Amino acid sequence: MEKIFEKFYRSNQVKAGGLGLGLAICKEIAEIHKGLIFARNNKTGGASFIVQLPLEKSTIKGELK
């Protein structure tokens, strides 16, 4: 579990393709926004990924379209 957010890490048990970059990119995005990302195994199988981002007042002025 401690390696899943490292670039190019792929578990030996995973049959699916991919480069092992998705979770590393997610971690970078969370950290850029001063947040956290973590994972935990589910009792019934699989995993849950939790992303926590700080809530800050927007500095954007005007309406968003």
PDB file of N, CA and C in Angstrom:
ATOM      1  N   MET A   1       0.818  -1.208   0.000  1.00  0.00           N
ATOM      2  CA  MET A   1       0.000   0.000   0.000  1.00  0.00           C
ATOM      3  C   MET A   1       0.859   1.267   0.000  1.00  0.00           C
ATOM      4  N   GLU A   2       2.014   1.212   0.632  1.00  0.00           N
ATOM      5  CA  GLU A   2       2.821   2.423   0.753  1.00  0.00           C
ATOM      6  C   GLU A   2       3.410   2.864  -0.587  1.00  0.00           C
ATOM      7  N   LYS A   3       3.439   1.989  -1.589  1.00  0.00           N
ATOM      8  CA  LYS A   3       4.046   2.319  -2.882  1.00  0.00           C
ATOM      9  C   LYS A   3       3.028   2.732  -3.947  1.00  0.00           C
ATOM     10  N   ILE A   4       1.745   2.615  -3.687  1.00  0.00           N
ATOM     11  CA  ILE A   4       0.762   2.787  -4.770  1.00  0.00           C
ATOM     12  C   ILE A   4       0.724   4.186  -5.364  1.00  0.00           C
ATOM     13  N   PHE A   5       1.239   5.192  -4.656  1.00  0.00           N
ATOM     14  CA  PHE A   5       1.240   6.548  -5.177  1.00  0.00           C
ATOM     15  C   PHE A   5       2.575   6.921  -5.834  1.00  0.00           C
ATOM     16  N   GLU A   6       3.490   5.973  -5.942  1.00  0.00           N
ATOM     17  CA  GLU A   6       4.771   6.216  -6.604  1.00  0.00           C
ATOM     18  C   GLU A   6       4.611   6.086  -8.118  1.00  0.00           C
ATOM     19  N   LYS A   7       5.353   6.907  -8.859  1.00  0.00           N
ATOM     20  CA  LYS A   7       5.304   6.855 -10.320  1.00  0.00           C
ATOM     21  C   LYS A   7       5.743   5.485 -10.815  1.00  0.00           C
ATOM     22  N   PHE A   8       5.036   4.968 -11.778  1.00  0.00           N
ATOM     23  CA  PHE A   8       5.317   3.720 -12.484  1.00  0.00           C
ATOM     24  C   PHE A   8       5.157   2.460 -11.635  1.00  0.00           C
ATOM     25  N   TYR A   9       4.592   2.591 -10.434  1.00  0.00           N
ATOM     26  CA  TYR A   9       4.373   1.398  -9.606  1.00  0.00           C
ATOM     27  C   TYR A   9       3.149   0.643 -10.107  1.00  0.00           C
ATOM     28  N   ARG A  10       3.306  -0.660 -10.272  1.00  0.00           N
ATOM     29  CA  ARG A  10       2.200  -1.547 -10.639  1.00  0.00           C
ATOM     30  C   ARG A  10       2.333  -2.813  -9.813  1.00  0.00           C
ATOM     31  N   SER A  11       1.250  -3.222  -9.211  1.00  0.00           N
ATOM     32  CA  SER A  11       1.238  -4.446  -8.416  1.00  0.00           C
ATOM     33  C   SER A  11       1.404  -5.651  -9.321  1.00  0.00           C
ATOM     34  N   ASN A  12       2.045  -6.681  -8.834  1.00  0.00           N
ATOM     35  CA  ASN A  12       2.196  -7.916  -9.604  1.00  0.00           C
ATOM     36  C   ASN A  12       0.863  -8.631  -9.787  1.00  0.00           C
ATOM     37  N   GLN A  13      -0.097  -8.347  -8.930  1.00  0.00           N
ATOM     38  CA  GLN A  13      -1.386  -9.024  -8.953  1.00  0.00           C
ATOM     39  C   GLN A  13      -2.375  -8.415  -9.942  1.00  0.00           C
ATOM     40  N   VAL A  14      -2.062  -7.272 -10.509  1.00  0.00           N
ATOM     41  CA  VAL A  14      -2.982  -6.571 -11.403  1.00  0.00           C
ATOM     42  C   VAL A  14      -2.783  -7.053 -12.828  1.00  0.00           C
ATOM     43  N   LYS A  15      -3.881  -7.461 -13.471  1.00  0.00           N
ATOM     44  CA  LYS A  15      -3.812  -7.945 -14.855  1.00  0.00           C
ATOM     45  C   LYS A  15      -4.024  -6.824 -15.869  1.00  0.00           C
ATOM     46  N   ALA A  16      -4.670  -5.739 -15.449  1.00  0.00           N
ATOM     47  CA  ALA A  16      -4.993  -4.643 -16.365  1.00  0.00           C
ATOM     48  C   ALA A  16      -3.733  -3.920 -16.827  1.00  0.00           C
ATOM     49  N   GLY A  17      -3.844  -3.222 -17.936  1.00  0.00           N
ATOM     50  CA  GLY A  17      -2.724  -2.457 -18.471  1.00  0.00           C
ATOM     51  C   GLY A  17      -2.542  -1.143 -17.736  1.00  0.00           C
ATOM     52  N   GLY A  18      -1.781  -0.277 -18.316  1.00  0.00           N
ATOM     53  CA  GLY A  18      -1.530   1.028 -17.713  1.00  0.00           C
ATOM     54  C   GLY A  18      -0.051   1.216 -17.455  1.00  0.00           C
ATOM     55  N   LEU A  19       0.314   2.446 -17.165  1.00  0.00           N
ATOM     56  CA  LEU A  19       1.720   2.779 -16.950  1.00  0.00           C
ATOM     57  C   LEU A  19       2.069   2.976 -15.485  1.00  0.00           C
ATOM     58  N   GLY A  20       1.076   3.003 -14.621  1.00  0.00           N
ATOM     59  CA  GLY A  20       1.347   3.246 -13.210  1.00  0.00           C
ATOM     60  C   GLY A  20       1.531   4.711 -12.902  1.00  0.00           C
ATOM     61  N   LEU A  21       0.839   5.570 -13.645  1.00  0.00           N
ATOM     62  CA  LEU A  21       0.971   7.013 -13.430  1.00  0.00           C
ATOM     63  C   LEU A  21      -0.278   7.654 -12.818  1.00  0.00           C
ATOM     64  N   GLY A  22      -1.428   7.023 -12.932  1.00  0.00           N
ATOM     65  CA  GLY A  22      -2.687   7.646 -12.525  1.00  0.00           C
ATOM     66  C   GLY A  22      -2.719   8.103 -11.087  1.00  0.00           C
ATOM     67  N   LEU A  23      -2.367   7.231 -10.151  1.00  0.00           N
ATOM     68  CA  LEU A  23      -2.409   7.604  -8.734  1.00  0.00           C
ATOM     69  C   LEU A  23      -1.298   8.588  -8.379  1.00  0.00           C
ATOM     70  N   ALA A  24      -0.161   8.501  -9.066  1.00  0.00           N
ATOM     71  CA  ALA A  24       0.919   9.468  -8.838  1.00  0.00           C
ATOM     72  C   ALA A  24       0.469  10.866  -9.267  1.00  0.00           C
ATOM     73  N   ILE A  25      -0.247  10.956 -10.384  1.00  0.00           N
ATOM     74  CA  ILE A  25      -0.772  12.244 -10.851  1.00  0.00           C
ATOM     75  C   ILE A  25      -1.807  12.776  -9.869  1.00  0.00           C
ATOM     76  N   CYS A  26      -2.686  11.901  -9.390  1.00  0.00           N
ATOM     77  CA  CYS A  26      -3.686  12.315  -8.400  1.00  0.00           C
ATOM     78  C   CYS A  26      -3.026  12.863  -7.142  1.00  0.00           C
ATOM     79  N   LYS A  27      -1.950  12.210  -6.708  1.00  0.00           N
ATOM     80  CA  LYS A  27      -1.232  12.666  -5.516  1.00  0.00           C
ATOM     81  C   LYS A  27      -0.640  14.054  -5.743  1.00  0.00           C
ATOM     82  N   GLU A  28      -0.041  14.268  -6.910  1.00  0.00           N
ATOM     83  CA  GLU A  28       0.540  15.579  -7.230  1.00  0.00           C
ATOM     84  C   GLU A  28      -0.523  16.670  -7.223  1.00  0.00           C
ATOM     85  N   ILE A  29      -1.677  16.395  -7.815  1.00  0.00           N
ATOM     86  CA  ILE A  29      -2.763  17.380  -7.852  1.00  0.00           C
ATOM     87  C   ILE A  29      -3.219  17.711  -6.436  1.00  0.00           C
ATOM     88  N   ALA A  30      -3.409  16.677  -5.608  1.00  0.00           N
ATOM     89  CA  ALA A  30      -3.842  16.913  -4.224  1.00  0.00           C
ATOM     90  C   ALA A  30      -2.813  17.759  -3.480  1.00  0.00           C
ATOM     91  N   GLU A  31      -1.544  17.450  -3.636  1.00  0.00           N
ATOM     92  CA  GLU A  31      -0.502  18.190  -2.924  1.00  0.00           C
ATOM     93  C   GLU A  31      -0.355  19.611  -3.423  1.00  0.00           C
ATOM     94  N   ILE A  32      -0.540  19.835  -4.720  1.00  0.00           N
ATOM     95  CA  ILE A  32      -0.497  21.197  -5.262  1.00  0.00           C
ATOM     96  C   ILE A  32      -1.567  22.064  -4.609  1.00  0.00           C
ATOM     97  N   HIS A  33      -2.703  21.452  -4.306  1.00  0.00           N
ATOM     98  CA  HIS A  33      -3.814  22.174  -3.674  1.00  0.00           C
ATOM     99  C   HIS A  33      -3.776  22.073  -2.149  1.00  0.00           C
ATOM    100  N   LYS A  34      -2.616  21.704  -1.615  1.00  0.00           N
ATOM    101  CA  LYS A  34      -2.396  21.584  -0.165  1.00  0.00           C
ATOM    102  C   LYS A  34      -3.351  20.582   0.477  1.00  0.00           C
ATOM    103  N   GLY A  35      -3.613  19.511  -0.236  1.00  0.00           N
ATOM    104  CA  GLY A  35      -4.507  18.473   0.257  1.00  0.00           C
ATOM    105  C   GLY A  35      -3.790  17.151   0.433  1.00  0.00           C
ATOM    106  N   LEU A  36      -4.584  16.115   0.672  1.00  0.00           N
ATOM    107  CA  LEU A  36      -4.075  14.768   0.902  1.00  0.00           C
ATOM    108  C   LEU A  36      -4.838  13.770   0.056  1.00  0.00           C
ATOM    109  N   ILE A  37      -4.214  12.656  -0.218  1.00  0.00           N
ATOM    110  CA  ILE A  37      -4.891  11.525  -0.839  1.00  0.00           C
ATOM    111  C   ILE A  37      -4.403  10.271  -0.121  1.00  0.00           C
ATOM    112  N   PHE A  38      -5.307   9.374   0.170  1.00  0.00           N
ATOM    113  CA  PHE A  38      -4.906   8.117   0.778  1.00  0.00           C
ATOM    114  C   PHE A  38      -5.874   7.031   0.365  1.00  0.00           C
ATOM    115  N   ALA A  39      -5.472   5.795   0.603  1.00  0.00           N
ATOM    116  CA  ALA A  39      -6.269   4.637   0.199  1.00  0.00           C
ATOM    117  C   ALA A  39      -6.427   3.693   1.372  1.00  0.00           C
ATOM    118  N   ARG A  40      -7.499   2.922   1.315  1.00  0.00           N
ATOM    119  CA  ARG A  40      -7.676   1.856   2.305  1.00  0.00           C
ATOM    120  C   ARG A  40      -8.373   0.690   1.631  1.00  0.00           C
ATOM    121  N   ASN A  41      -8.027  -0.491   2.066  1.00  0.00           N
ATOM    122  CA  ASN A  41      -8.641  -1.702   1.524  1.00  0.00           C
ATOM    123  C   ASN A  41     -10.062  -1.848   2.055  1.00  0.00           C
ATOM    124  N   ASN A  42     -10.958  -2.305   1.192  1.00  0.00           N
ATOM    125  CA  ASN A  42     -12.326  -2.591   1.600  1.00  0.00           C
ATOM    126  C   ASN A  42     -12.420  -4.030   2.090  1.00  0.00           C
ATOM    127  N   LYS A  43     -13.245  -4.270   3.072  1.00  0.00           N
ATOM    128  CA  LYS A  43     -13.410  -5.617   3.621  1.00  0.00           C
ATOM    129  C   LYS A  43     -13.922  -6.600   2.576  1.00  0.00           C
ATOM    130  N   THR A  44     -14.739  -6.119   1.647  1.00  0.00           N
ATOM    131  CA  THR A  44     -15.332  -6.995   0.632  1.00  0.00           C
ATOM    132  C   THR A  44     -14.493  -7.078  -0.645  1.00  0.00           C
ATOM    133  N   GLY A  45     -13.325  -6.455  -0.642  1.00  0.00           N
ATOM    134  CA  GLY A  45     -12.450  -6.452  -1.806  1.00  0.00           C
ATOM    135  C   GLY A  45     -12.354  -5.067  -2.411  1.00  0.00           C
ATOM    136  N   GLY A  46     -11.338  -4.838  -3.160  1.00  0.00           N
ATOM    137  CA  GLY A  46     -11.128  -3.530  -3.766  1.00  0.00           C
ATOM    138  C   GLY A  46     -10.572  -2.533  -2.765  1.00  0.00           C
ATOM    139  N   ALA A  47     -10.584  -1.288  -3.141  1.00  0.00           N
ATOM    140  CA  ALA A  47     -10.035  -0.232  -2.293  1.00  0.00           C
ATOM    141  C   ALA A  47     -10.863   1.034  -2.427  1.00  0.00           C
ATOM    142  N   SER A  48     -10.759   1.884  -1.426  1.00  0.00           N
ATOM    143  CA  SER A  48     -11.370   3.216  -1.454  1.00  0.00           C
ATOM    144  C   SER A  48     -10.246   4.233  -1.460  1.00  0.00           C
ATOM    145  N   PHE A  49     -10.396   5.262  -2.281  1.00  0.00           N
ATOM    146  CA  PHE A  49      -9.422   6.338  -2.353  1.00  0.00           C
ATOM    147  C   PHE A  49     -10.096   7.607  -1.871  1.00  0.00           C
ATOM    148  N   ILE A  50      -9.464   8.282  -0.938  1.00  0.00           N
ATOM    149  CA  ILE A  50     -10.031   9.481  -0.333  1.00  0.00           C
ATOM    150  C   ILE A  50      -9.127  10.656  -0.665  1.00  0.00           C
ATOM    151  N   VAL A  51      -9.728  11.719  -1.180  1.00  0.00           N
ATOM    152  CA  VAL A  51      -8.996  12.952  -1.483  1.00  0.00           C
ATOM    153  C   VAL A  51      -9.566  14.035  -0.580  1.00  0.00           C
ATOM    154  N   GLN A  52      -8.686  14.691   0.163  1.00  0.00           N
ATOM    155  CA  GLN A  52      -9.096  15.783   1.034  1.00  0.00           C
ATOM    156  C   GLN A  52      -8.432  17.057   0.544  1.00  0.00           C
ATOM    157  N   LEU A  53      -9.254  18.069   0.261  1.00  0.00           N
ATOM    158  CA  LEU A  53      -8.751  19.361  -0.186  1.00  0.00           C
ATOM    159  C   LEU A  53      -9.241  20.425   0.775  1.00  0.00           C
ATOM    160  N   PRO A  54      -8.393  21.403   1.099  1.00  0.00           N
ATOM    161  CA  PRO A  54      -8.827  22.455   2.015  1.00  0.00           C
ATOM    162  C   PRO A  54      -9.868  23.354   1.355  1.00  0.00           C
ATOM    163  N   LEU A  55     -10.798  23.803   2.143  1.00  0.00           N
ATOM    164  CA  LEU A  55     -11.828  24.718   1.658  1.00  0.00           C
ATOM    165  C   LEU A  55     -11.366  26.136   1.914  1.00  0.00           C
ATOM    166  N   GLU A  56     -11.209  26.889   0.848  1.00  0.00           N
ATOM    167  CA  GLU A  56     -10.773  28.271   0.962  1.00  0.00           C
ATOM    168  C   GLU A  56     -11.726  29.158   0.173  1.00  0.00           C
ATOM    169  N   LYS A  57     -11.818  30.380   0.581  1.00  0.00           N
ATOM    170  CA  LYS A  57     -12.652  31.339  -0.130  1.00  0.00           C
ATOM    171  C   LYS A  57     -12.046  31.599  -1.507  1.00  0.00           C
ATOM    172  N   SER A  58     -12.887  31.630  -2.507  1.00  0.00           N
ATOM    173  CA  SER A  58     -12.430  31.858  -3.869  1.00  0.00           C
ATOM    174  C   SER A  58     -11.941  33.286  -4.049  1.00  0.00           C
ATOM    175  N   THR A  59     -10.904  33.447  -4.855  1.00  0.00           N
ATOM    176  CA  THR A  59     -10.398  34.776  -5.198  1.00  0.00           C
ATOM    177  C   THR A  59     -10.898  35.204  -6.580  1.00  0.00           C
ATOM    178  N   ILE A  60     -11.755  34.377  -7.192  1.00  0.00           N
ATOM    179  CA  ILE A  60     -12.300  34.688  -8.520  1.00  0.00           C
ATOM    180  C   ILE A  60     -13.394  35.731  -8.358  1.00  0.00           C
ATOM    181  N   LYS A  61     -13.312  36.775  -9.134  1.00  0.00           N
ATOM    182  CA  LYS A  61     -14.327  37.833  -9.072  1.00  0.00           C
ATOM    183  C   LYS A  61     -15.250  37.702 -10.270  1.00  0.00           C
ATOM    184  N   GLY A  62     -16.511  37.980 -10.079  1.00  0.00           N
ATOM    185  CA  GLY A  62     -17.482  37.893 -11.157  1.00  0.00           C
ATOM    186  C   GLY A  62     -18.122  36.512 -11.213  1.00  0.00           C
ATOM    187  N   GLU A  63     -18.969  36.343 -12.211  1.00  0.00           N
ATOM    188  CA  GLU A  63     -19.677  35.066 -12.367  1.00  0.00           C
ATOM    189  C   GLU A  63     -18.900  34.111 -13.242  1.00  0.00           C
ATOM    190  N   LEU A  64     -18.997  32.849 -12.917  1.00  0.00           N
ATOM    191  CA  LEU A  64     -18.426  31.819 -13.762  1.00  0.00           C
ATOM    192  C   LEU A  64     -19.475  31.374 -14.757  1.00  0.00           C
ATOM    193  N   LYS A  65     -19.105  31.173 -15.981  1.00  0.00           N
ATOM    194  CA  LYS A  65     -20.077  30.746 -17.007  1.00  0.00           C
ATOM    195  C   LYS A  65     -19.752  29.369 -17.490  1.00  0.00           C
TER     196      LYS A  65
END
